[in-house]
Amino acid sequence: MAAVSFSGLFLASVALINFIFVFGTCVEFVKFISFRAIYYNITGRAPQVQESSSRGWSVALQDPAVLRPLAVDLALLFLFAVQHSLLAVESVKRRLRAVFGVLQRGFYVFTTALALQVLIRYWQPVRDAPFLWNSSTAPWSTWLPLLCFIIHFLCWLIIFSIVLIFDYAELMGIKQVYYHCLGLGDPLSMKSPRAQRLYAHLRHPVYLEVCVVLWAVPCLSLDRLLLSGVLSLYLTCGHSLDTRDYTYLSAQLHNKLDLFSRSAQPGSNGQPVSATTASCKEE
């Protein structure tokens, strides 16, 4: 019994530490992909990428000072795409599950967060090429960055809501450990056939919102074009929702909203409604 308790405590500790690391990485990624692109314009500071000179594209694209950062950035994007795709292959997942057991999902999100950390910290801005568009001149410099900020804020709010629908604890690998410690097995096995069908082929449930965040920027530099283009292409390749999936997601959204509205109300026995119990009842 002590060995089982120690094993459960160890798994729970690893899952919690992994959750903190992944959550912190997500916050940094939001700052990197979204607010850093518009922050300087809103506060009135100098833009992160310097104003381009009068050189044309033909000259800029032959400059090593432009090509070297682009090559580094492309390699970082390739590293993330390989990690995020290779570890999602079913045969690879089976092998990882044989090694890490219930921590397989946690290992996947950990390596994803690690790849994002490398991408964020080693990303090279292109400072010696023209902008594709630039709102640094009046009157665009005043209201367009603010409009982009509002759009980004709304998109991240929608993304957060969608993540809640998809069960954030399970996406992060925490629910798998919790169910394992209680002897309940895999959380996915307790879901309905419609939910299992959705999870079997869905890769990126926030396709539209992320694409808006990628492209809705007041200034589009060459490295931002590379980032937005590659990630948009990658998201497009992994987007496979159909009508049945949208119907299921709509039903789940209404169920979650109903659950949140009833969570503060007393249950039939005078006790608060259990969110854990309700989450097990998938449509």
Protein backbone atom coordinates (compact mmCIF):
# COMPACT_ATOMS: atom_id res chain seq x y z
CA MET A 1 0.00 0.00 0.00
CA ALA A 2 2.89 2.34 0.85
CA ALA A 3 4.53 1.58 -2.49
CA VAL A 4 1.31 2.39 -4.31
CA SER A 5 0.91 5.63 -2.37
CA PHE A 6 4.50 6.63 -3.06
CA SER A 7 4.06 5.83 -6.76
CA GLY A 8 0.89 7.91 -6.94
CA LEU A 9 2.56 10.80 -5.10
CA PHE A 10 5.53 10.66 -7.47
CA LEU A 11 3.32 10.64 -10.57
CA ALA A 12 1.21 13.49 -9.20
CA SER A 13 4.34 15.54 -8.43
CA VAL A 14 5.75 15.01 -11.91
CA ALA A 15 2.41 15.92 -13.51
CA LEU A 16 2.13 19.08 -11.39
CA ILE A 17 5.68 20.25 -12.16
CA ASN A 18 5.09 19.55 -15.83
CA PHE A 19 1.82 21.51 -15.72
CA ILE A 20 3.58 24.55 -14.21
CA PHE A 21 6.29 24.44 -16.88
CA VAL A 22 3.82 24.03 -19.75
CA PHE A 23 1.48 26.72 -18.42
CA GLY A 24 4.38 29.16 -18.06
CA THR A 25 5.48 28.37 -21.59
CA CYS A 26 1.97 29.06 -22.88
CA VAL A 27 2.03 32.48 -21.22
CA GLU A 28 5.40 33.25 -22.79
CA PHE A 29 4.15 32.07 -26.18
CA VAL A 30 1.14 34.40 -25.97
CA LYS A 31 3.50 37.29 -25.24
CA PHE A 32 5.81 36.25 -28.09
CA ILE A 33 3.25 35.59 -30.81
CA SER A 34 0.70 38.22 -29.91
CA PHE A 35 1.39 41.09 -27.55
CA ARG A 36 5.06 41.58 -28.40
CA ALA A 37 4.05 42.31 -32.00
CA ILE A 38 1.83 45.22 -30.98
CA TYR A 39 3.08 46.28 -27.52
CA TYR A 40 5.65 48.81 -28.73
CA ASN A 41 3.16 50.57 -30.97
CA ILE A 42 0.56 50.88 -28.21
CA THR A 43 3.01 52.28 -25.64
CA GLY A 44 4.62 54.63 -28.15
CA ARG A 45 8.06 53.05 -27.84
CA ALA A 46 10.34 52.33 -30.76
CA PRO A 47 9.17 49.36 -32.87
CA GLN A 48 10.88 46.08 -32.20
CA VAL A 49 11.98 45.84 -35.83
CA GLN A 50 13.67 48.96 -37.04
CA GLU A 51 12.21 51.05 -39.82
CA SER A 52 13.53 49.74 -43.12
CA SER A 53 15.69 51.76 -45.40
CA SER A 54 14.92 52.60 -48.99
CA ARG A 55 16.46 49.35 -50.24
CA GLY A 56 14.26 47.20 -52.44
CA TRP A 57 13.36 43.58 -51.92
CA SER A 58 15.81 42.36 -54.56
CA VAL A 59 18.69 43.85 -52.57
CA ALA A 60 17.38 42.86 -49.14
CA LEU A 61 16.84 39.22 -50.06
CA GLN A 62 20.49 38.93 -51.14
CA ASP A 63 21.82 40.40 -47.90
CA PRO A 64 23.37 37.82 -45.51
CA ALA A 65 22.11 39.95 -42.61
CA VAL A 66 18.59 39.10 -43.79
CA LEU A 67 19.11 35.52 -44.93
CA ARG A 68 20.91 34.29 -41.79
CA PRO A 69 18.09 35.17 -39.36
CA LEU A 70 15.53 33.69 -41.76
CA ALA A 71 17.50 30.44 -41.93
CA VAL A 72 17.68 30.24 -38.13
CA ASP A 73 13.97 30.99 -37.78
CA LEU A 74 13.04 28.40 -40.41
CA ALA A 75 15.12 25.78 -38.59
CA LEU A 76 13.34 26.60 -35.31
CA LEU A 77 9.94 26.25 -36.95
CA PHE A 78 11.01 22.95 -38.53
CA LEU A 79 12.13 21.67 -35.12
CA PHE A 80 8.76 22.51 -33.59
CA ALA A 81 6.80 20.98 -36.49
CA VAL A 82 8.81 17.73 -36.38
CA GLN A 83 8.38 17.38 -32.62
CA HIS A 84 4.69 18.23 -32.64
CA SER A 85 3.91 15.88 -35.54
CA LEU A 86 6.26 12.96 -34.89
CA LEU A 87 5.18 12.44 -31.30
CA ALA A 88 1.52 12.54 -32.39
CA VAL A 89 1.92 9.52 -34.70
CA GLU A 90 0.00 6.57 -33.28
CA SER A 91 2.92 4.12 -33.50
CA VAL A 92 5.22 6.57 -31.70
CA LYS A 93 2.55 7.19 -29.07
CA ARG A 94 2.31 3.45 -28.40
CA ARG A 95 6.06 3.21 -27.88
CA LEU A 96 6.11 6.24 -25.62
CA ARG A 97 3.18 4.82 -23.65
CA ALA A 98 5.18 1.63 -23.15
CA VAL A 99 8.06 3.69 -21.72
CA PHE A 100 6.30 6.48 -19.81
CA GLY A 101 3.00 4.78 -19.10
CA VAL A 102 0.39 7.19 -17.78
CA LEU A 103 2.83 10.08 -18.22
CA GLN A 104 2.82 9.71 -22.03
CA ARG A 105 0.53 12.70 -22.59
CA GLY A 106 2.50 14.75 -20.10
CA PHE A 107 5.71 13.91 -21.95
CA TYR A 108 4.15 15.06 -25.23
CA VAL A 109 3.10 18.46 -23.89
CA PHE A 110 6.45 18.81 -22.09
CA THR A 111 8.43 18.31 -25.30
CA THR A 112 6.04 20.68 -27.11
CA ALA A 113 6.66 23.33 -24.45
CA LEU A 114 10.40 22.69 -24.68
CA ALA A 115 10.33 23.17 -28.45
CA LEU A 116 8.37 26.41 -27.98
CA GLN A 117 10.91 27.63 -25.41
CA VAL A 118 13.71 27.07 -27.92
CA LEU A 119 11.68 28.85 -30.60
CA ILE A 120 10.94 31.85 -28.38
CA ARG A 121 14.43 32.29 -26.97
CA TYR A 122 16.40 31.83 -30.19
CA TRP A 123 14.04 33.57 -32.63
CA GLN A 124 15.96 36.04 -34.80
CA PRO A 125 14.15 39.23 -35.89
CA VAL A 126 14.97 40.49 -39.38
CA ARG A 127 15.99 44.14 -38.96
CA ASP A 128 17.41 44.93 -42.40
CA ALA A 129 14.49 44.19 -44.68
CA PRO A 130 11.42 46.24 -45.64
CA PHE A 131 8.06 45.74 -43.94
CA LEU A 132 5.27 44.16 -45.94
CA TRP A 133 2.98 46.64 -44.20
CA ASN A 134 3.62 49.20 -41.52
CA SER A 135 1.25 51.34 -39.44
CA SER A 136 3.91 53.52 -37.82
CA THR A 137 2.65 56.65 -39.58
CA ALA A 138 -0.36 58.74 -38.54
CA PRO A 139 -3.26 58.17 -38.35
CA TRP A 140 -2.69 54.40 -38.50
CA SER A 141 -0.18 54.41 -35.63
CA THR A 142 -2.88 55.40 -33.15
CA TRP A 143 -5.93 53.24 -33.71
CA LEU A 144 -4.70 50.24 -35.70
CA PRO A 145 -2.40 48.83 -32.95
CA LEU A 146 -5.22 49.28 -30.44
CA LEU A 147 -7.63 47.49 -32.78
CA CYS A 148 -5.13 44.63 -33.16
CA PHE A 149 -4.79 44.46 -29.37
CA ILE A 150 -8.57 44.11 -28.96
CA ILE A 151 -8.74 41.44 -31.70
CA HIS A 152 -5.91 39.47 -30.11
CA PHE A 153 -7.49 39.71 -26.66
CA LEU A 154 -10.82 38.40 -27.96
CA CYS A 155 -9.11 35.58 -29.89
CA TRP A 156 -7.19 34.40 -26.83
CA LEU A 157 -10.40 34.56 -24.80
CA ILE A 158 -12.10 32.30 -27.35
CA ILE A 159 -9.09 29.97 -27.39
CA PHE A 160 -9.22 29.70 -23.60
CA SER A 161 -12.93 28.88 -23.76
CA ILE A 162 -12.36 26.18 -26.38
CA VAL A 163 -9.58 24.64 -24.28
CA LEU A 164 -12.01 24.42 -21.36
CA ILE A 165 -14.47 22.59 -23.60
CA PHE A 166 -11.77 20.09 -24.53
CA ASP A 167 -10.95 19.39 -20.86
CA TYR A 168 -7.76 21.29 -20.05
CA ALA A 169 -6.64 18.83 -17.37
CA GLU A 170 -6.76 15.95 -19.85
CA LEU A 171 -4.94 17.91 -22.57
CA MET A 172 -2.16 18.65 -20.09
CA GLY A 173 -1.85 15.05 -18.94
CA ILE A 174 -3.03 15.68 -15.37
CA LYS A 175 -6.34 13.87 -15.62
CA GLN A 176 -4.62 10.70 -16.86
CA VAL A 177 -2.49 10.59 -13.70
CA TYR A 178 -5.50 11.37 -11.48
CA TYR A 179 -7.56 8.57 -13.01
CA HIS A 180 -4.61 6.18 -12.78
CA CYS A 181 -4.19 6.87 -9.06
CA LEU A 182 -7.91 6.19 -8.54
CA GLY A 183 -7.77 3.04 -10.65
CA LEU A 184 -10.24 4.37 -13.22
CA GLY A 185 -8.12 3.69 -16.31
CA ASP A 186 -7.78 5.98 -19.32
CA PRO A 187 -10.10 9.04 -19.23
CA LEU A 188 -10.66 8.74 -22.98
CA SER A 189 -12.20 5.27 -22.52
CA MET A 190 -14.94 6.83 -20.38
CA LYS A 191 -15.97 9.31 -23.05
CA SER A 192 -18.77 8.85 -25.53
CA PRO A 193 -18.17 7.45 -29.05
CA ARG A 194 -18.63 10.96 -30.47
CA ALA A 195 -15.93 12.32 -28.19
CA GLN A 196 -13.56 9.46 -29.04
CA ARG A 197 -14.17 10.05 -32.74
CA LEU A 198 -13.33 13.74 -32.33
CA TYR A 199 -10.15 13.11 -30.35
CA ALA A 200 -9.03 10.44 -32.82
CA HIS A 201 -8.57 12.85 -35.76
CA LEU A 202 -8.60 16.40 -34.36
CA ARG A 203 -5.21 18.08 -34.07
CA HIS A 204 -5.81 21.83 -33.77
CA PRO A 205 -9.24 22.93 -32.50
CA VAL A 206 -8.36 26.66 -32.49
CA TYR A 207 -7.34 26.98 -36.13
CA LEU A 208 -9.22 30.16 -37.06
CA GLU A 209 -8.40 32.07 -33.87
CA VAL A 210 -4.67 31.36 -34.04
CA CYS A 211 -4.55 32.35 -37.71
CA VAL A 212 -6.18 35.67 -36.86
CA VAL A 213 -3.60 36.27 -34.13
CA LEU A 214 -0.78 35.42 -36.52
CA TRP A 215 -1.83 37.86 -39.24
CA ALA A 216 -3.61 40.69 -37.38
CA VAL A 217 -0.52 42.76 -36.58
CA PRO A 218 0.10 46.48 -37.18
CA CYS A 219 3.53 45.84 -38.73
CA LEU A 220 4.42 42.75 -40.74
CA SER A 221 8.15 42.17 -40.89
CA LEU A 222 9.84 39.44 -42.92
CA ASP A 223 10.42 37.15 -39.94
CA ARG A 224 6.79 37.62 -38.84
CA LEU A 225 5.71 36.69 -42.36
CA LEU A 226 7.75 33.49 -42.08
CA LEU A 227 6.28 32.70 -38.66
CA SER A 228 2.70 33.39 -39.72
CA GLY A 229 3.02 31.59 -43.05
CA VAL A 230 4.62 28.40 -41.73
CA LEU A 231 2.34 28.08 -38.69
CA SER A 232 -0.76 28.81 -40.78
CA LEU A 233 0.25 26.11 -43.26
CA TYR A 234 0.94 23.69 -40.42
CA LEU A 235 -2.42 24.41 -38.79
CA THR A 236 -4.20 24.02 -42.13
CA CYS A 237 -2.68 20.58 -42.64
CA GLY A 238 -3.93 19.47 -39.21
CA HIS A 239 -7.43 20.99 -39.37
CA SER A 240 -10.06 18.31 -40.00
CA LEU A 241 -13.30 19.29 -38.27
CA ASP A 242 -16.56 18.26 -39.93
CA THR A 243 -20.27 18.91 -39.28
CA ARG A 244 -20.58 16.11 -36.73
CA ASP A 245 -17.64 17.51 -34.79
CA TYR A 246 -19.13 21.01 -34.73
CA THR A 247 -22.45 19.58 -33.49
CA TYR A 248 -20.69 17.72 -30.71
CA LEU A 249 -18.61 20.75 -29.71
CA SER A 250 -21.71 22.94 -29.59
CA ALA A 251 -23.41 20.46 -27.28
CA GLN A 252 -20.33 20.29 -25.06
CA LEU A 253 -20.18 24.08 -24.84
CA HIS A 254 -23.77 24.23 -23.59
CA ASN A 255 -23.03 21.43 -21.10
CA LYS A 256 -19.98 23.27 -19.73
CA LEU A 257 -21.89 26.54 -19.38
CA ASP A 258 -24.69 24.71 -17.61
CA LEU A 259 -22.17 23.02 -15.31
CA PHE A 260 -20.55 26.34 -14.39
CA SER A 261 -23.94 27.92 -13.73
CA ARG A 262 -24.93 25.08 -11.38
CA SER A 263 -21.56 24.65 -9.63
CA ALA A 264 -22.41 27.19 -6.93
CA GLN A 265 -25.90 25.79 -6.36
CA PRO A 266 -26.53 23.05 -3.77
CA GLY A 267 -27.14 19.54 -5.08
CA SER A 268 -30.03 17.29 -4.23
CA ASN A 269 -28.38 16.25 -0.94
CA GLY A 270 -27.44 19.80 0.04
CA GLN A 271 -23.88 19.45 -1.24
CA PRO A 272 -22.33 21.43 -4.13
CA VAL A 273 -22.45 19.77 -7.53
CA SER A 274 -19.23 17.83 -8.16
CA ALA A 275 -17.40 19.04 -11.24
CA THR A 276 -15.32 15.86 -11.30
CA THR A 277 -18.42 13.68 -11.38
CA ALA A 278 -20.07 15.83 -14.01
CA SER A 279 -17.01 15.83 -16.24
CA CYS A 280 -17.18 12.04 -16.47
CA LYS A 281 -20.62 12.25 -18.09
CA GLU A 282 -19.71 13.09 -21.66
CA GLU A 283 -22.39 13.60 -24.28
